[in-house]
């Protein structure tokens, strides 16, 4: 599995936007809601599972999209299934650990 990642600093916190790599460039449509999973937002940097684990463990703020990405975070105890929102069969999860 590969993950697409963008790393940035936000108010002195490490923030990552991460998604399942195959979601880059996809439009998600659910009724009037339209979300574009852009390379600009979710990153051009492709990482493997080991690097994704390291990034998830080191970030304070995470914007996660995709079944594999969110499953990885939950398996690490970083997120909770109760916080996951499903939009057109695609899971989304935002985590603040500041």
N, C-alpha and C. Protein backbone atom coordinates (compact mmCIF):
# COMPACT_ATOMS: atom_id res chain seq x y z
N UNK A 1 0.84 -1.19 0.00
CA UNK A 1 0.00 0.00 0.00
C UNK A 1 0.87 1.24 0.00
N UNK A 2 0.46 2.23 -0.76
CA UNK A 2 1.16 3.50 -0.78
C UNK A 2 0.22 4.61 -0.33
N UNK A 3 0.84 5.62 0.29
CA UNK A 3 0.11 6.74 0.84
C UNK A 3 0.68 8.02 0.25
N UNK A 4 -0.19 8.97 -0.03
CA UNK A 4 0.24 10.27 -0.51
C UNK A 4 0.20 11.24 0.66
N UNK A 5 1.27 12.02 0.83
CA UNK A 5 1.41 12.84 2.04
C UNK A 5 1.89 14.25 1.71
N UNK A 6 1.34 15.20 2.44
CA UNK A 6 1.86 16.56 2.46
C UNK A 6 2.10 16.91 3.91
N UNK A 7 3.29 17.39 4.22
CA UNK A 7 3.69 17.74 5.58
C UNK A 7 3.86 19.24 5.65
N UNK A 8 3.32 19.85 6.69
CA UNK A 8 3.47 21.28 6.88
C UNK A 8 3.47 21.61 8.37
N UNK A 9 3.82 22.84 8.66
CA UNK A 9 3.74 23.34 10.03
C UNK A 9 2.55 24.26 10.12
N UNK A 10 1.77 24.08 11.18
CA UNK A 10 0.61 24.93 11.41
C UNK A 10 0.65 25.36 12.88
N UNK A 11 0.87 26.64 13.10
CA UNK A 11 0.93 27.20 14.44
C UNK A 11 1.86 26.38 15.33
N UNK A 12 3.05 26.12 14.83
CA UNK A 12 4.11 25.39 15.52
C UNK A 12 3.76 23.93 15.82
N UNK A 13 2.86 23.37 15.06
CA UNK A 13 2.51 21.96 15.15
C UNK A 13 2.78 21.30 13.80
N UNK A 14 3.20 20.04 13.83
CA UNK A 14 3.40 19.29 12.60
C UNK A 14 2.04 18.80 12.12
N UNK A 15 1.69 19.19 10.90
CA UNK A 15 0.42 18.79 10.31
C UNK A 15 0.68 17.93 9.09
N UNK A 16 -0.06 16.83 8.99
CA UNK A 16 0.04 16.02 7.78
C UNK A 16 -1.34 15.83 7.17
N UNK A 17 -1.36 15.89 5.87
CA UNK A 17 -2.53 15.51 5.08
C UNK A 17 -2.11 14.22 4.39
N UNK A 18 -2.86 13.16 4.62
CA UNK A 18 -2.48 11.86 4.07
C UNK A 18 -3.71 11.16 3.53
N UNK A 19 -3.53 10.51 2.38
CA UNK A 19 -4.62 9.72 1.81
C UNK A 19 -4.07 8.48 1.13
N UNK A 20 -4.95 7.53 0.87
CA UNK A 20 -4.58 6.39 0.05
C UNK A 20 -4.15 6.95 -1.31
N UNK A 21 -2.98 6.56 -1.78
CA UNK A 21 -2.41 7.17 -2.99
C UNK A 21 -3.34 7.08 -4.20
N UNK A 22 -4.12 6.02 -4.30
CA UNK A 22 -4.98 5.88 -5.48
C UNK A 22 -6.16 6.86 -5.48
N UNK A 23 -6.37 7.58 -4.38
CA UNK A 23 -7.45 8.56 -4.33
C UNK A 23 -7.06 9.92 -4.93
N UNK A 24 -5.77 10.16 -5.12
CA UNK A 24 -5.33 11.44 -5.68
C UNK A 24 -5.97 11.65 -7.05
N UNK A 25 -6.57 12.83 -7.22
CA UNK A 25 -7.20 13.18 -8.49
C UNK A 25 -8.66 12.75 -8.60
N UNK A 26 -9.19 12.12 -7.55
CA UNK A 26 -10.58 11.64 -7.58
C UNK A 26 -11.54 12.72 -7.11
N UNK A 27 -12.71 12.74 -7.71
CA UNK A 27 -13.82 13.56 -7.26
C UNK A 27 -14.76 12.67 -6.48
N UNK A 28 -15.14 13.12 -5.30
CA UNK A 28 -16.09 12.39 -4.47
C UNK A 28 -17.36 13.22 -4.45
N UNK A 29 -18.45 12.60 -4.85
CA UNK A 29 -19.71 13.32 -4.94
C UNK A 29 -20.76 12.58 -4.13
N UNK A 30 -21.43 13.32 -3.26
CA UNK A 30 -22.51 12.78 -2.44
C UNK A 30 -23.61 13.83 -2.40
N UNK A 31 -24.59 13.70 -3.27
CA UNK A 31 -25.62 14.71 -3.38
C UNK A 31 -25.03 16.02 -3.87
N UNK A 32 -25.25 17.10 -3.11
CA UNK A 32 -24.71 18.41 -3.48
C UNK A 32 -23.26 18.59 -3.03
N UNK A 33 -22.76 17.68 -2.20
CA UNK A 33 -21.39 17.78 -1.70
C UNK A 33 -20.41 17.21 -2.72
N UNK A 34 -19.41 18.02 -3.08
CA UNK A 34 -18.38 17.58 -4.02
C UNK A 34 -17.02 17.87 -3.40
N UNK A 35 -16.19 16.84 -3.33
CA UNK A 35 -14.84 16.98 -2.77
C UNK A 35 -13.84 16.46 -3.79
N UNK A 36 -12.82 17.25 -4.04
CA UNK A 36 -11.75 16.84 -4.95
C UNK A 36 -10.52 16.52 -4.12
N UNK A 37 -10.01 15.31 -4.25
CA UNK A 37 -8.81 14.88 -3.53
C UNK A 37 -7.60 15.31 -4.37
N UNK A 38 -7.10 16.49 -4.07
CA UNK A 38 -6.07 17.08 -4.91
C UNK A 38 -4.65 16.74 -4.45
N UNK A 39 -3.77 16.67 -5.43
CA UNK A 39 -2.36 16.46 -5.16
C UNK A 39 -1.78 17.65 -4.39
N UNK A 40 -2.27 18.85 -4.67
CA UNK A 40 -1.78 20.03 -3.96
C UNK A 40 -2.06 19.95 -2.47
N UNK A 41 -3.21 19.41 -2.08
CA UNK A 41 -3.57 19.36 -0.67
C UNK A 41 -3.05 18.10 0.02
N UNK A 42 -3.17 16.96 -0.64
CA UNK A 42 -2.77 15.70 -0.02
C UNK A 42 -1.36 15.25 -0.38
N UNK A 43 -0.69 16.01 -1.19
CA UNK A 43 0.73 15.80 -1.39
C UNK A 43 1.16 15.06 -2.62
N UNK A 44 2.38 15.35 -2.97
CA UNK A 44 3.03 14.70 -4.11
C UNK A 44 4.01 13.64 -3.62
N UNK A 45 4.22 13.60 -2.33
CA UNK A 45 5.19 12.68 -1.74
C UNK A 45 4.51 11.34 -1.45
N UNK A 46 4.95 10.29 -2.11
CA UNK A 46 4.38 8.96 -1.92
C UNK A 46 5.29 8.19 -0.95
N UNK A 47 4.65 7.61 0.07
CA UNK A 47 5.40 6.86 1.09
C UNK A 47 4.83 5.45 1.23
N UNK A 48 5.66 4.56 1.79
CA UNK A 48 5.20 3.20 2.07
C UNK A 48 4.62 3.15 3.48
N UNK A 49 4.19 1.98 3.90
CA UNK A 49 3.53 1.83 5.20
C UNK A 49 4.44 2.23 6.36
N UNK A 50 5.70 1.82 6.34
CA UNK A 50 6.61 2.14 7.45
C UNK A 50 6.78 3.64 7.63
N UNK A 51 6.96 4.35 6.53
CA UNK A 51 7.11 5.80 6.62
C UNK A 51 5.79 6.46 7.03
N UNK A 52 4.67 5.93 6.56
CA UNK A 52 3.37 6.46 6.95
C UNK A 52 3.16 6.31 8.46
N UNK A 53 3.54 5.17 9.01
CA UNK A 53 3.43 4.94 10.46
C UNK A 53 4.24 5.98 11.21
N UNK A 54 5.47 6.19 10.78
CA UNK A 54 6.34 7.17 11.43
C UNK A 54 5.74 8.57 11.38
N UNK A 55 5.21 8.95 10.25
CA UNK A 55 4.60 10.27 10.10
C UNK A 55 3.36 10.43 10.98
N UNK A 56 2.52 9.41 11.02
CA UNK A 56 1.33 9.47 11.86
C UNK A 56 1.69 9.61 13.34
N UNK A 57 2.72 8.91 13.75
CA UNK A 57 3.14 8.96 15.16
C UNK A 57 3.75 10.31 15.53
N UNK A 58 4.26 11.03 14.55
CA UNK A 58 4.97 12.28 14.85
C UNK A 58 4.13 13.54 14.66
N UNK A 59 2.95 13.42 14.08
CA UNK A 59 2.13 14.60 13.77
C UNK A 59 1.19 14.97 14.91
N UNK A 60 0.91 16.25 15.01
CA UNK A 60 -0.06 16.75 15.98
C UNK A 60 -1.44 16.93 15.36
N UNK A 61 -1.46 17.27 14.08
CA UNK A 61 -2.72 17.51 13.37
C UNK A 61 -2.71 16.64 12.11
N UNK A 62 -3.79 15.88 11.91
CA UNK A 62 -3.86 14.97 10.77
C UNK A 62 -5.19 15.09 10.06
N UNK A 63 -5.13 15.20 8.75
CA UNK A 63 -6.31 15.20 7.89
C UNK A 63 -6.15 13.95 7.02
N UNK A 64 -6.96 12.93 7.29
CA UNK A 64 -6.77 11.62 6.68
C UNK A 64 -7.97 11.23 5.82
N UNK A 65 -7.68 10.60 4.68
CA UNK A 65 -8.73 10.15 3.78
C UNK A 65 -8.37 8.79 3.22
N UNK A 66 -9.35 7.91 3.19
CA UNK A 66 -9.16 6.60 2.58
C UNK A 66 -9.18 5.47 3.59
N UNK A 67 -9.65 4.33 3.15
CA UNK A 67 -9.80 3.17 4.03
C UNK A 67 -8.48 2.72 4.62
N UNK A 68 -7.45 2.61 3.81
CA UNK A 68 -6.16 2.12 4.30
C UNK A 68 -5.49 3.12 5.25
N UNK A 69 -5.53 4.39 4.90
CA UNK A 69 -4.92 5.43 5.72
C UNK A 69 -5.58 5.49 7.09
N UNK A 70 -6.89 5.51 7.11
CA UNK A 70 -7.61 5.62 8.38
C UNK A 70 -7.49 4.33 9.19
N UNK A 71 -7.52 3.20 8.54
CA UNK A 71 -7.33 1.93 9.23
C UNK A 71 -5.97 1.89 9.91
N UNK A 72 -4.95 2.38 9.24
CA UNK A 72 -3.60 2.42 9.81
C UNK A 72 -3.57 3.30 11.06
N UNK A 73 -4.18 4.48 10.99
CA UNK A 73 -4.20 5.38 12.14
C UNK A 73 -4.95 4.76 13.31
N UNK A 74 -6.08 4.14 13.05
CA UNK A 74 -6.87 3.53 14.13
C UNK A 74 -6.12 2.35 14.73
N UNK A 75 -5.47 1.54 13.90
CA UNK A 75 -4.67 0.41 14.40
C UNK A 75 -3.54 0.89 15.31
N UNK A 76 -3.02 2.08 15.05
CA UNK A 76 -1.94 2.65 15.87
C UNK A 76 -2.49 3.32 17.14
N UNK A 77 -3.81 3.38 17.28
CA UNK A 77 -4.42 4.04 18.43
C UNK A 77 -4.41 5.54 18.32
N UNK A 78 -4.22 6.06 17.12
CA UNK A 78 -4.13 7.51 16.90
C UNK A 78 -5.50 8.12 16.63
N UNK A 79 -6.41 7.35 16.15
CA UNK A 79 -7.74 7.86 15.84
C UNK A 79 -8.81 6.95 16.42
N UNK A 80 -10.04 7.37 16.26
CA UNK A 80 -11.17 6.60 16.77
C UNK A 80 -12.20 6.43 15.65
N UNK A 81 -12.75 5.24 15.57
CA UNK A 81 -13.77 4.99 14.54
C UNK A 81 -14.96 5.92 14.71
N UNK A 82 -15.22 6.37 15.93
CA UNK A 82 -16.37 7.24 16.15
C UNK A 82 -16.19 8.61 15.48
N UNK A 83 -14.96 8.99 15.16
CA UNK A 83 -14.70 10.26 14.51
C UNK A 83 -14.70 10.19 12.99
N UNK A 84 -14.80 9.00 12.45
CA UNK A 84 -14.74 8.81 10.99
C UNK A 84 -16.08 9.20 10.36
N UNK A 85 -16.00 9.99 9.31
CA UNK A 85 -17.17 10.36 8.52
C UNK A 85 -17.04 9.70 7.15
N UNK A 86 -18.12 9.12 6.68
CA UNK A 86 -18.12 8.44 5.39
C UNK A 86 -18.86 9.30 4.38
N UNK A 87 -18.19 9.60 3.29
CA UNK A 87 -18.81 10.37 2.20
C UNK A 87 -18.64 9.55 0.93
N UNK A 88 -19.74 9.08 0.41
CA UNK A 88 -19.74 8.27 -0.81
C UNK A 88 -18.76 7.10 -0.71
N UNK A 89 -18.85 6.36 0.39
CA UNK A 89 -18.03 5.18 0.68
C UNK A 89 -16.55 5.47 0.95
N UNK A 90 -16.17 6.73 1.06
CA UNK A 90 -14.78 7.10 1.34
C UNK A 90 -14.73 7.67 2.77
N UNK A 91 -13.90 7.08 3.65
CA UNK A 91 -13.81 7.59 5.02
C UNK A 91 -12.88 8.81 5.12
N UNK A 92 -13.28 9.74 6.00
CA UNK A 92 -12.52 10.95 6.30
C UNK A 92 -12.34 11.03 7.81
N UNK A 93 -11.18 11.48 8.26
CA UNK A 93 -10.93 11.62 9.70
C UNK A 93 -9.95 12.77 9.92
N UNK A 94 -10.31 13.67 10.83
CA UNK A 94 -9.42 14.75 11.23
C UNK A 94 -9.07 14.54 12.70
N UNK A 95 -7.78 14.64 13.02
CA UNK A 95 -7.31 14.39 14.38
C UNK A 95 -6.48 15.58 14.83
N UNK A 96 -6.77 16.06 16.04
CA UNK A 96 -5.99 17.12 16.69
C UNK A 96 -5.39 16.56 17.95
N UNK A 97 -4.08 16.49 18.03
CA UNK A 97 -3.38 16.02 19.23
C UNK A 97 -2.46 17.12 19.76
N UNK A 98 -2.98 18.33 19.88
CA UNK A 98 -2.13 19.44 20.30
C UNK A 98 -2.25 19.68 21.79
